[in-house]
Amino acid sequence: MTDPLSARLAATVNAARTSQGLSVALLAERSGVSRAMIGKIERGDVQPTAALLAKLSAALGMTLSELIARAEGDERRLVRAAEQPVWVDPETGYRRRSVSPAGGRPLELVEVELPAGAEVALAAGTYAFLHQQIWVLAGHLRFHEGAQVHELDAGDCLQLGPAADCVFANPGLEPCRYLVALVKRGT
């Protein structure tokens, strides 16, 4: 059975795609996600992973936070901590909390908790249109930015360079918490 957020994500992906006049085939071409998988996501048959949602949101010209906020239908300027939308990757346990109010664009703040031993890989195209900084709040993050590897500890802050395939990895025994600050390029 589909959980409520997955059902709203399904409707949101479908609405964003159709409002832009994109066929499933064209969205598949732009995102690198198969037509079959997009169909499953839009029907709510699967709970998409972070990597899949990131590819789809980028191909639709929005951030992952925007996609989730649209699914939540939230346009408030103040969002209390207990009301901030949380999404958990079913594959890795990666936990993403949208700290910023949905109406707070262009700046977005996202808190992530990456379980011990977990890795999340994202293709360069998923964030090519963003300026991003990663601020580690607790634990250790091994961030692969293309061929470069950054070892980040609590308090360290990294500004991402040009878009490259990346991997967020937690080689530690405890969860890693970090904040991602992002702004769309050109804003």
C-alpha atoms as a PDB file:
ATOM      1  CA  MET A   1       0.000   0.000   0.000  1.00  0.00           C
ATOM      2  CA  THR A   2       1.257   3.472  -0.864  1.00  0.00           C
ATOM      3  CA  ASP A   3       1.948   5.865   2.012  1.00  0.00           C
ATOM      4  CA  PRO A   4       0.363   9.354   1.805  1.00  0.00           C
ATOM      5  CA  LEU A   5       3.617  11.184   0.926  1.00  0.00           C
ATOM      6  CA  SER A   6       4.386   8.713  -1.889  1.00  0.00           C
ATOM      7  CA  ALA A   7       0.892   9.256  -3.279  1.00  0.00           C
ATOM      8  CA  ARG A   8       1.355  13.046  -3.159  1.00  0.00           C
ATOM      9  CA  LEU A   9       4.832  12.739  -4.720  1.00  0.00           C
ATOM     10  CA  ALA A  10       3.297  10.653  -7.512  1.00  0.00           C
ATOM     11  CA  ALA A  11       0.688  13.314  -8.219  1.00  0.00           C
ATOM     12  CA  THR A  12       3.267  16.119  -7.966  1.00  0.00           C
ATOM     13  CA  VAL A  13       5.692  14.515 -10.439  1.00  0.00           C
ATOM     14  CA  ASN A  14       2.825  13.893 -12.849  1.00  0.00           C
ATOM     15  CA  ALA A  15       1.482  17.454 -12.491  1.00  0.00           C
ATOM     16  CA  ALA A  16       4.934  19.032 -12.945  1.00  0.00           C
ATOM     17  CA  ARG A  17       5.609  16.900 -16.022  1.00  0.00           C
ATOM     18  CA  THR A  18       2.259  17.584 -17.672  1.00  0.00           C
ATOM     19  CA  SER A  19       2.280  21.318 -16.815  1.00  0.00           C
ATOM     20  CA  GLN A  20       5.543  21.589 -18.761  1.00  0.00           C
ATOM     21  CA  GLY A  21       4.077  19.654 -21.679  1.00  0.00           C
ATOM     22  CA  LEU A  22       6.567  16.810 -21.235  1.00  0.00           C
ATOM     23  CA  SER A  23       5.794  13.283 -22.270  1.00  0.00           C
ATOM     24  CA  VAL A  24       7.008  10.435 -20.093  1.00  0.00           C
ATOM     25  CA  ALA A  25       9.507   9.614 -22.857  1.00  0.00           C
ATOM     26  CA  LEU A  26      10.941  13.150 -22.872  1.00  0.00           C
ATOM     27  CA  LEU A  27      11.192  13.254 -19.062  1.00  0.00           C
ATOM     28  CA  ALA A  28      12.936   9.876 -19.199  1.00  0.00           C
ATOM     29  CA  GLU A  29      15.415  11.221 -21.755  1.00  0.00           C
ATOM     30  CA  ARG A  30      16.100  14.388 -19.725  1.00  0.00           C
ATOM     31  CA  SER A  31      16.400  12.625 -16.369  1.00  0.00           C
ATOM     32  CA  GLY A  32      18.015   9.308 -17.234  1.00  0.00           C
ATOM     33  CA  VAL A  33      15.169   7.535 -15.403  1.00  0.00           C
ATOM     34  CA  SER A  34      13.405   4.841 -17.433  1.00  0.00           C
ATOM     35  CA  ARG A  35       9.883   5.409 -18.726  1.00  0.00           C
ATOM     36  CA  ALA A  36       8.743   2.328 -16.826  1.00  0.00           C
ATOM     37  CA  MET A  37      10.100   3.682 -13.537  1.00  0.00           C
ATOM     38  CA  ILE A  38       8.540   7.109 -14.124  1.00  0.00           C
ATOM     39  CA  GLY A  39       5.224   5.350 -14.749  1.00  0.00           C
ATOM     40  CA  LYS A  40       5.573   3.404 -11.492  1.00  0.00           C
ATOM     41  CA  ILE A  41       6.450   6.596  -9.595  1.00  0.00           C
ATOM     42  CA  GLU A  42       3.538   8.551 -11.097  1.00  0.00           C
ATOM     43  CA  ARG A  43       1.116   5.726 -10.264  1.00  0.00           C
ATOM     44  CA  GLY A  44       2.489   5.520  -6.722  1.00  0.00           C
ATOM     45  CA  ASP A  45       3.502   1.885  -7.224  1.00  0.00           C
ATOM     46  CA  VAL A  46       7.011   2.481  -5.800  1.00  0.00           C
ATOM     47  CA  GLN A  47       8.567   4.740  -3.212  1.00  0.00           C
ATOM     48  CA  PRO A  48      11.378   6.440  -5.178  1.00  0.00           C
ATOM     49  CA  THR A  49      14.904   6.686  -3.827  1.00  0.00           C
ATOM     50  CA  ALA A  50      16.735   9.960  -3.222  1.00  0.00           C
ATOM     51  CA  ALA A  51      18.773   9.444  -6.394  1.00  0.00           C
ATOM     52  CA  LEU A  52      15.654   8.945  -8.543  1.00  0.00           C
ATOM     53  CA  LEU A  53      13.812  11.935  -7.076  1.00  0.00           C
ATOM     54  CA  ALA A  54      16.895  14.122  -7.516  1.00  0.00           C
ATOM     55  CA  LYS A  55      17.150  13.165 -11.203  1.00  0.00           C
ATOM     56  CA  LEU A  56      13.453  13.807 -11.807  1.00  0.00           C
ATOM     57  CA  SER A  57      13.365  17.112  -9.927  1.00  0.00           C
ATOM     58  CA  ALA A  58      16.426  18.388 -11.824  1.00  0.00           C
ATOM     59  CA  ALA A  59      14.896  17.385 -15.166  1.00  0.00           C
ATOM     60  CA  LEU A  60      11.753  19.272 -14.144  1.00  0.00           C
ATOM     61  CA  GLY A  61      13.819  22.376 -13.263  1.00  0.00           C
ATOM     62  CA  MET A  62      13.256  22.257  -9.526  1.00  0.00           C
ATOM     63  CA  THR A  63      15.163  21.215  -6.456  1.00  0.00           C
ATOM     64  CA  LEU A  64      14.366  18.074  -4.520  1.00  0.00           C
ATOM     65  CA  SER A  65      13.102  20.302  -1.688  1.00  0.00           C
ATOM     66  CA  GLU A  66      10.723  22.083  -4.079  1.00  0.00           C
ATOM     67  CA  LEU A  67       9.369  18.771  -5.309  1.00  0.00           C
ATOM     68  CA  ILE A  68       8.770  17.540  -1.756  1.00  0.00           C
ATOM     69  CA  ALA A  69       7.283  20.903  -0.677  1.00  0.00           C
ATOM     70  CA  ARG A  70       4.854  20.808  -3.619  1.00  0.00           C
ATOM     71  CA  ALA A  71       3.869  17.294  -2.613  1.00  0.00           C
ATOM     72  CA  GLU A  72       3.248  18.582   0.907  1.00  0.00           C
ATOM     73  CA  GLY A  73       1.214  21.510  -0.500  1.00  0.00           C
ATOM     74  CA  ASP A  74       2.976  23.843   1.904  1.00  0.00           C
ATOM     75  CA  GLU A  75       3.430  27.549   1.159  1.00  0.00           C
ATOM     76  CA  ARG A  76       3.770  28.943   4.707  1.00  0.00           C
ATOM     77  CA  ARG A  77       6.533  31.399   5.604  1.00  0.00           C
ATOM     78  CA  LEU A  78       7.022  29.861   9.060  1.00  0.00           C
ATOM     79  CA  VAL A  79       7.404  26.140   9.521  1.00  0.00           C
ATOM     80  CA  ARG A  80       7.872  24.897  13.077  1.00  0.00           C
ATOM     81  CA  ALA A  81      10.469  22.152  13.595  1.00  0.00           C
ATOM     82  CA  ALA A  82       7.796  19.543  14.278  1.00  0.00           C
ATOM     83  CA  GLU A  83       6.027  20.452  11.002  1.00  0.00           C
ATOM     84  CA  GLN A  84       9.040  20.429   8.676  1.00  0.00           C
ATOM     85  CA  PRO A  85       8.631  17.766   5.986  1.00  0.00           C
ATOM     86  CA  VAL A  86      10.855  14.729   6.395  1.00  0.00           C
ATOM     87  CA  TRP A  87      11.527  12.213   3.666  1.00  0.00           C
ATOM     88  CA  VAL A  88      13.434   8.960   4.147  1.00  0.00           C
ATOM     89  CA  ASP A  89      15.133   7.110   1.286  1.00  0.00           C
ATOM     90  CA  PRO A  90      13.750   3.559   1.434  1.00  0.00           C
ATOM     91  CA  GLU A  91      17.017   2.150   0.108  1.00  0.00           C
ATOM     92  CA  THR A  92      19.645   3.776   2.352  1.00  0.00           C
ATOM     93  CA  GLY A  93      17.778   5.268   5.314  1.00  0.00           C
ATOM     94  CA  TYR A  94      19.039   8.732   4.247  1.00  0.00           C
ATOM     95  CA  ARG A  95      16.767  11.163   6.117  1.00  0.00           C
ATOM     96  CA  ARG A  96      16.119  14.586   4.576  1.00  0.00           C
ATOM     97  CA  ARG A  97      14.320  17.350   6.465  1.00  0.00           C
ATOM     98  CA  SER A  98      13.315  20.512   4.588  1.00  0.00           C
ATOM     99  CA  VAL A  99      14.120  23.208   7.142  1.00  0.00           C
ATOM    100  CA  SER A 100      13.195  26.224   4.992  1.00  0.00           C
ATOM    101  CA  PRO A 101       9.596  27.249   4.466  1.00  0.00           C
ATOM    102  CA  ALA A 102       8.466  26.341   0.951  1.00  0.00           C
ATOM    103  CA  GLY A 103       7.846  30.021   0.163  1.00  0.00           C
ATOM    104  CA  GLY A 104      11.373  31.015   1.196  1.00  0.00           C
ATOM    105  CA  ARG A 105      12.956  30.773  -2.222  1.00  0.00           C
ATOM    106  CA  PRO A 106      15.614  31.273  -3.534  1.00  0.00           C
ATOM    107  CA  LEU A 107      17.469  30.022  -0.419  1.00  0.00           C
ATOM    108  CA  GLU A 108      16.841  26.485   0.799  1.00  0.00           C
ATOM    109  CA  LEU A 109      18.180  24.833   3.915  1.00  0.00           C
ATOM    110  CA  VAL A 110      18.026  21.048   4.150  1.00  0.00           C
ATOM    111  CA  GLU A 111      19.146  18.952   7.107  1.00  0.00           C
ATOM    112  CA  VAL A 112      20.305  15.446   6.242  1.00  0.00           C
ATOM    113  CA  GLU A 113      21.032  12.484   8.460  1.00  0.00           C
ATOM    114  CA  LEU A 114      23.094   9.800   6.751  1.00  0.00           C
ATOM    115  CA  PRO A 115      23.156   6.487   8.641  1.00  0.00           C
ATOM    116  CA  ALA A 116      26.460   4.818   9.533  1.00  0.00           C
ATOM    117  CA  GLY A 117      27.888   3.006   6.518  1.00  0.00           C
ATOM    118  CA  ALA A 118      25.374   4.518   4.076  1.00  0.00           C
ATOM    119  CA  GLU A 119      26.171   6.059   0.684  1.00  0.00           C
ATOM    120  CA  VAL A 120      24.005   8.140  -1.642  1.00  0.00           C
ATOM    121  CA  ALA A 121      25.227   8.802  -5.187  1.00  0.00           C
ATOM    122  CA  LEU A 122      23.860  11.699  -7.247  1.00  0.00           C
ATOM    123  CA  ALA A 123      24.607  12.446 -10.877  1.00  0.00           C
ATOM    124  CA  ALA A 124      26.026  15.866 -11.791  1.00  0.00           C
ATOM    125  CA  GLY A 125      22.870  16.861 -13.647  1.00  0.00           C
ATOM    126  CA  THR A 126      20.784  16.611 -10.479  1.00  0.00           C
ATOM    127  CA  TYR A 127      22.291  19.774  -9.083  1.00  0.00           C
ATOM    128  CA  ALA A 128      23.964  21.511 -12.045  1.00  0.00           C
ATOM    129  CA  PHE A 129      21.656  24.513 -11.654  1.00  0.00           C
ATOM    130  CA  LEU A 130      22.438  25.066  -7.962  1.00  0.00           C
ATOM    131  CA  HIS A 131      25.020  26.778  -5.766  1.00  0.00           C
ATOM    132  CA  GLN A 132      25.491  24.559  -2.703  1.00  0.00           C
ATOM    133  CA  GLN A 133      27.354  24.486   0.560  1.00  0.00           C
ATOM    134  CA  ILE A 134      27.554  21.533   2.939  1.00  0.00           C
ATOM    135  CA  TRP A 135      28.016  22.201   6.663  1.00  0.00           C
ATOM    136  CA  VAL A 136      28.650  19.111   8.795  1.00  0.00           C
ATOM    137  CA  LEU A 137      26.802  19.309  12.115  1.00  0.00           C
ATOM    138  CA  ALA A 138      27.818  15.954  13.639  1.00  0.00           C
ATOM    139  CA  GLY A 139      29.843  12.914  12.625  1.00  0.00           C
ATOM    140  CA  HIS A 140      32.043  12.489   9.573  1.00  0.00           C
ATOM    141  CA  LEU A 141      31.099  12.889   5.911  1.00  0.00           C
ATOM    142  CA  ARG A 142      33.188  11.599   3.043  1.00  0.00           C
ATOM    143  CA  PHE A 143      32.039  13.599   0.044  1.00  0.00           C
ATOM    144  CA  HIS A 144      33.178  12.499  -3.412  1.00  0.00           C
ATOM    145  CA  GLU A 145      32.931  15.429  -5.830  1.00  0.00           C
ATOM    146  CA  GLY A 146      33.917  13.902  -9.150  1.00  0.00           C
ATOM    147  CA  ALA A 147      37.468  12.575  -8.655  1.00  0.00           C
ATOM    148  CA  GLN A 148      38.067  14.741  -5.574  1.00  0.00           C
ATOM    149  CA  VAL A 149      37.340  13.359  -2.092  1.00  0.00           C
ATOM    150  CA  HIS A 150      36.597  15.696   0.811  1.00  0.00           C
ATOM    151  CA  GLU A 151      36.793  14.409   4.399  1.00  0.00           C
ATOM    152  CA  LEU A 152      34.500  16.633   6.465  1.00  0.00           C
ATOM    153  CA  ASP A 153      34.072  16.650  10.239  1.00  0.00           C
ATOM    154  CA  ALA A 154      31.663  18.525  12.522  1.00  0.00           C
ATOM    155  CA  GLY A 155      31.945  22.261  11.887  1.00  0.00           C
ATOM    156  CA  ASP A 156      33.527  21.917   8.428  1.00  0.00           C
ATOM    157  CA  CYS A 157      31.802  23.698   5.540  1.00  0.00           C
ATOM    158  CA  LEU A 158      32.404  22.962   1.853  1.00  0.00           C
ATOM    159  CA  GLN A 159      31.243  25.039  -1.093  1.00  0.00           C
ATOM    160  CA  LEU A 160      30.658  22.754  -4.060  1.00  0.00           C
ATOM    161  CA  GLY A 161      32.506  23.459  -7.280  1.00  0.00           C
ATOM    162  CA  PRO A 162      31.312  22.872 -10.839  1.00  0.00           C
ATOM    163  CA  ALA A 163      28.692  20.145 -11.202  1.00  0.00           C
ATOM    164  CA  ALA A 164      30.181  16.664 -11.005  1.00  0.00           C
ATOM    165  CA  ASP A 165      28.904  13.225 -10.089  1.00  0.00           C
ATOM    166  CA  CYS A 166      28.998  13.002  -6.313  1.00  0.00           C
ATOM    167  CA  VAL A 167      28.683  10.516  -3.489  1.00  0.00           C
ATOM    168  CA  PHE A 168      27.716  11.330   0.089  1.00  0.00           C
ATOM    169  CA  ALA A 169      29.231   8.601   2.275  1.00  0.00           C
ATOM    170  CA  ASN A 170      29.296   8.008   6.009  1.00  0.00           C
ATOM    171  CA  PRO A 171      32.216   5.700   6.774  1.00  0.00           C
ATOM    172  CA  GLY A 172      31.715   6.152  10.532  1.00  0.00           C
ATOM    173  CA  LEU A 173      29.899   4.092  13.147  1.00  0.00           C
ATOM    174  CA  GLU A 174      27.484   6.895  14.080  1.00  0.00           C
ATOM    175  CA  PRO A 175      24.993   8.818  11.920  1.00  0.00           C
ATOM    176  CA  CYS A 176      26.333  11.900  10.141  1.00  0.00           C
ATOM    177  CA  ARG A 177      24.206  15.058  10.220  1.00  0.00           C
ATOM    178  CA  TYR A 178      24.811  17.911   7.822  1.00  0.00           C
ATOM    179  CA  LEU A 179      23.074  20.975   6.512  1.00  0.00           C
ATOM    180  CA  VAL A 180      22.898  21.753   2.806  1.00  0.00           C
ATOM    181  CA  ALA A 181      22.358  25.391   1.860  1.00  0.00           C
ATOM    182  CA  LEU A 182      21.402  25.846  -1.759  1.00  0.00           C
ATOM    183  CA  VAL A 183      20.406  28.610  -4.127  1.00  0.00           C
ATOM    184  CA  LYS A 184      19.379  28.254  -7.749  1.00  0.00           C
ATOM    185  CA  ARG A 185      21.955  29.697 -10.148  1.00  0.00           C
ATOM    186  CA  GLY A 186      20.908  33.019 -11.646  1.00  0.00           C
ATOM    187  CA  THR A 187      18.950  34.106  -8.551  1.00  0.00           C
END
